């Protein structure tokens, strides 16, 4: 039998297979997943905006928040692939077991937002857009509530260092460093006190209400102790 006789039939079958693979009717689920990925990216951008304006971390870094959209869309795609196959699901578990993230999560709040993005991606990948939107709305209500109720009462833990002449500034019990600190700083914890022949240094841990309160305290200390040197470090900041 001449093999050339089957050539048109094979060509027709290949062409029909190609047409079916690119036809809209056959790819409705793919188009739906694409729409869910776009929706997930938009929700993740909103979560990034929410995190940047309502987070309580002092670093203010955007290195984690900028991956929210990508993480959400990748999660949607992965769930869409493995949800209909047990073998692919088990393969995904094995693949994730060898993944190691080199970037350390410095703030617990960042981890919560990452988990929220994954949750939104899982909901959209399972074709439940209302659940994903509901998660974002409920989370927004609680985040805004916590943000506005704790913003005014947020304190800063500071390490204040005062350096001056050991004979003039640290020996006078009435006008010296210890007396002025007791009067202006209120409650504090003495961490270190060094007294040498010419120089003395005092380190105390205090709690103040925001930057304005800290600036007022330092200005008052400078006015009462003009010959001393001052420096302070925010103990809650992430460097």
Foldseek 3Di string as FASTA:
>chain_A
DDPVVCVVVVVVVVVVVVCLVPDCVNCVVVVLLVVLLVVLLVLLVVLLVLCLVQPPAQASDCPLSVCLSVLLSVLLVLLLVPVVDPVSVVVVVVVVVPDDDPDDDPDVVSVVSSVLSNVLSNCVSVVNNVVSVVSSVVVSVVSVVVRVVCLQVDKWKKKKKKKAFLVPAVPDPCLHPVNQCVVQQPDWAWDDWDHDNTMIMTIIIGMDGDDVRVVVSVVSSCVSVVRMDMDMDGPRHDD
